[in-house]
């Protein structure tokens, strides 16, 4: 599987967030906070994390999830975890 670019991961993550929360994919941007800007609660976040692990074939440890404050944090983590 080819490594995905930041843009591809962002687009894929936006789709997962949209599926879980109904938030429009074009509002999911690198600088947005999951809690403050997108109003995603911890239960939805865990679902998004599990779905992201499957979609991108990466492992996101529970202790890392709390460090993923923004969309950009999550995208960067997934991009690095692909290797």
C-alpha atoms as a PDB file:
ATOM      1  CA  UNK A   1       0.000   0.000   0.000  1.00  0.00           C
ATOM      2  CA  UNK A   2       1.404   3.358  -1.000  1.00  0.00           C
ATOM      3  CA  UNK A   3       1.933   5.885   1.756  1.00  0.00           C
ATOM      4  CA  UNK A   4      -0.747   8.534   1.822  1.00  0.00           C
ATOM      5  CA  UNK A   5       0.079  12.217   1.736  1.00  0.00           C
ATOM      6  CA  UNK A   6      -1.030  14.687   4.385  1.00  0.00           C
ATOM      7  CA  UNK A   7      -3.805  15.858   2.036  1.00  0.00           C
ATOM      8  CA  UNK A   8      -5.026  12.298   1.441  1.00  0.00           C
ATOM      9  CA  UNK A   9      -5.047  11.499   5.161  1.00  0.00           C
ATOM     10  CA  UNK A  10      -6.888  14.755   5.888  1.00  0.00           C
ATOM     11  CA  UNK A  11      -9.516  13.943   3.254  1.00  0.00           C
ATOM     12  CA  UNK A  12      -9.942  10.418   4.600  1.00  0.00           C
ATOM     13  CA  UNK A  13     -10.149  11.595   8.183  1.00  0.00           C
ATOM     14  CA  UNK A  14     -12.694  14.238   7.193  1.00  0.00           C
ATOM     15  CA  UNK A  15     -14.861  11.485   5.694  1.00  0.00           C
ATOM     16  CA  UNK A  16     -14.634   9.444   8.909  1.00  0.00           C
ATOM     17  CA  UNK A  17     -15.534  12.507  10.997  1.00  0.00           C
ATOM     18  CA  UNK A  18     -18.446  13.242   8.663  1.00  0.00           C
ATOM     19  CA  UNK A  19     -19.694   9.646   8.927  1.00  0.00           C
ATOM     20  CA  UNK A  20     -19.558   9.736  12.730  1.00  0.00           C
ATOM     21  CA  UNK A  21     -20.770  13.286  13.438  1.00  0.00           C
ATOM     22  CA  UNK A  22     -22.343  14.702  10.283  1.00  0.00           C
ATOM     23  CA  UNK A  23     -19.811  17.554  10.262  1.00  0.00           C
ATOM     24  CA  UNK A  24     -19.225  18.717   6.683  1.00  0.00           C
ATOM     25  CA  UNK A  25     -15.932  17.414   5.319  1.00  0.00           C
ATOM     26  CA  UNK A  26     -14.893  20.864   4.071  1.00  0.00           C
ATOM     27  CA  UNK A  27     -14.993  22.251   7.617  1.00  0.00           C
ATOM     28  CA  UNK A  28     -12.487  19.630   8.846  1.00  0.00           C
ATOM     29  CA  UNK A  29      -9.204  21.541   8.551  1.00  0.00           C
ATOM     30  CA  UNK A  30      -5.716  20.997   9.969  1.00  0.00           C
ATOM     31  CA  UNK A  31      -5.994  23.854  12.484  1.00  0.00           C
ATOM     32  CA  UNK A  32      -9.357  22.840  13.905  1.00  0.00           C
ATOM     33  CA  UNK A  33      -9.595  21.510  17.458  1.00  0.00           C
ATOM     34  CA  UNK A  34     -11.670  18.345  17.780  1.00  0.00           C
ATOM     35  CA  UNK A  35     -13.360  19.576  20.961  1.00  0.00           C
ATOM     36  CA  UNK A  36     -13.404  23.382  20.673  1.00  0.00           C
ATOM     37  CA  UNK A  37     -14.041  23.839  16.944  1.00  0.00           C
ATOM     38  CA  UNK A  38     -15.702  20.604  15.856  1.00  0.00           C
ATOM     39  CA  UNK A  39     -17.453  19.796  19.166  1.00  0.00           C
ATOM     40  CA  UNK A  40     -16.489  16.103  18.995  1.00  0.00           C
ATOM     41  CA  UNK A  41     -16.975  14.295  22.306  1.00  0.00           C
ATOM     42  CA  UNK A  42     -14.732  11.548  23.662  1.00  0.00           C
ATOM     43  CA  UNK A  43     -17.092   8.742  22.602  1.00  0.00           C
ATOM     44  CA  UNK A  44     -17.232   9.952  19.003  1.00  0.00           C
ATOM     45  CA  UNK A  45     -13.476  10.506  19.104  1.00  0.00           C
ATOM     46  CA  UNK A  46     -12.855   6.887  20.075  1.00  0.00           C
ATOM     47  CA  UNK A  47     -15.054   5.687  17.214  1.00  0.00           C
ATOM     48  CA  UNK A  48     -13.176   7.960  14.802  1.00  0.00           C
ATOM     49  CA  UNK A  49      -9.842   6.626  16.115  1.00  0.00           C
ATOM     50  CA  UNK A  50     -10.903   2.987  15.667  1.00  0.00           C
ATOM     51  CA  UNK A  51     -12.197   3.713  12.165  1.00  0.00           C
ATOM     52  CA  UNK A  52      -9.014   5.627  11.316  1.00  0.00           C
ATOM     53  CA  UNK A  53      -6.884   2.689  12.461  1.00  0.00           C
ATOM     54  CA  UNK A  54      -8.793   0.430  10.081  1.00  0.00           C
ATOM     55  CA  UNK A  55      -8.920   2.873   7.186  1.00  0.00           C
ATOM     56  CA  UNK A  56      -5.235   3.854   7.322  1.00  0.00           C
ATOM     57  CA  UNK A  57      -3.892   0.540   8.698  1.00  0.00           C
ATOM     58  CA  UNK A  58      -2.152   2.230  11.629  1.00  0.00           C
ATOM     59  CA  UNK A  59      -2.196   1.781  15.399  1.00  0.00           C
ATOM     60  CA  UNK A  60      -3.146   4.776  17.530  1.00  0.00           C
ATOM     61  CA  UNK A  61      -2.434   3.863  21.181  1.00  0.00           C
ATOM     62  CA  UNK A  62      -4.980   5.074  23.743  1.00  0.00           C
ATOM     63  CA  UNK A  63      -2.326   7.149  25.498  1.00  0.00           C
ATOM     64  CA  UNK A  64      -1.669   8.987  22.211  1.00  0.00           C
ATOM     65  CA  UNK A  65      -5.312   9.841  21.592  1.00  0.00           C
ATOM     66  CA  UNK A  66      -5.351  12.448  24.379  1.00  0.00           C
ATOM     67  CA  UNK A  67      -2.459  14.231  22.633  1.00  0.00           C
ATOM     68  CA  UNK A  68      -4.406  14.535  19.387  1.00  0.00           C
ATOM     69  CA  UNK A  69      -6.039  17.873  20.121  1.00  0.00           C
ATOM     70  CA  UNK A  70      -6.415  19.134  16.564  1.00  0.00           C
ATOM     71  CA  UNK A  71      -7.170  17.626  13.191  1.00  0.00           C
ATOM     72  CA  UNK A  72      -3.575  18.421  12.235  1.00  0.00           C
ATOM     73  CA  UNK A  73      -2.256  16.463  15.229  1.00  0.00           C
ATOM     74  CA  UNK A  74      -4.204  13.398  14.126  1.00  0.00           C
ATOM     75  CA  UNK A  75      -3.239  13.751  10.466  1.00  0.00           C
ATOM     76  CA  UNK A  76       0.449  14.154  11.346  1.00  0.00           C
ATOM     77  CA  UNK A  77       0.307  11.135  13.658  1.00  0.00           C
ATOM     78  CA  UNK A  78      -1.334   8.949  10.990  1.00  0.00           C
ATOM     79  CA  UNK A  79       1.112  10.076   8.288  1.00  0.00           C
ATOM     80  CA  UNK A  80       4.076   9.184  10.537  1.00  0.00           C
ATOM     81  CA  UNK A  81       2.476   5.913  11.730  1.00  0.00           C
ATOM     82  CA  UNK A  82       2.122   4.605   8.164  1.00  0.00           C
ATOM     83  CA  UNK A  83       5.856   4.033   7.787  1.00  0.00           C
END
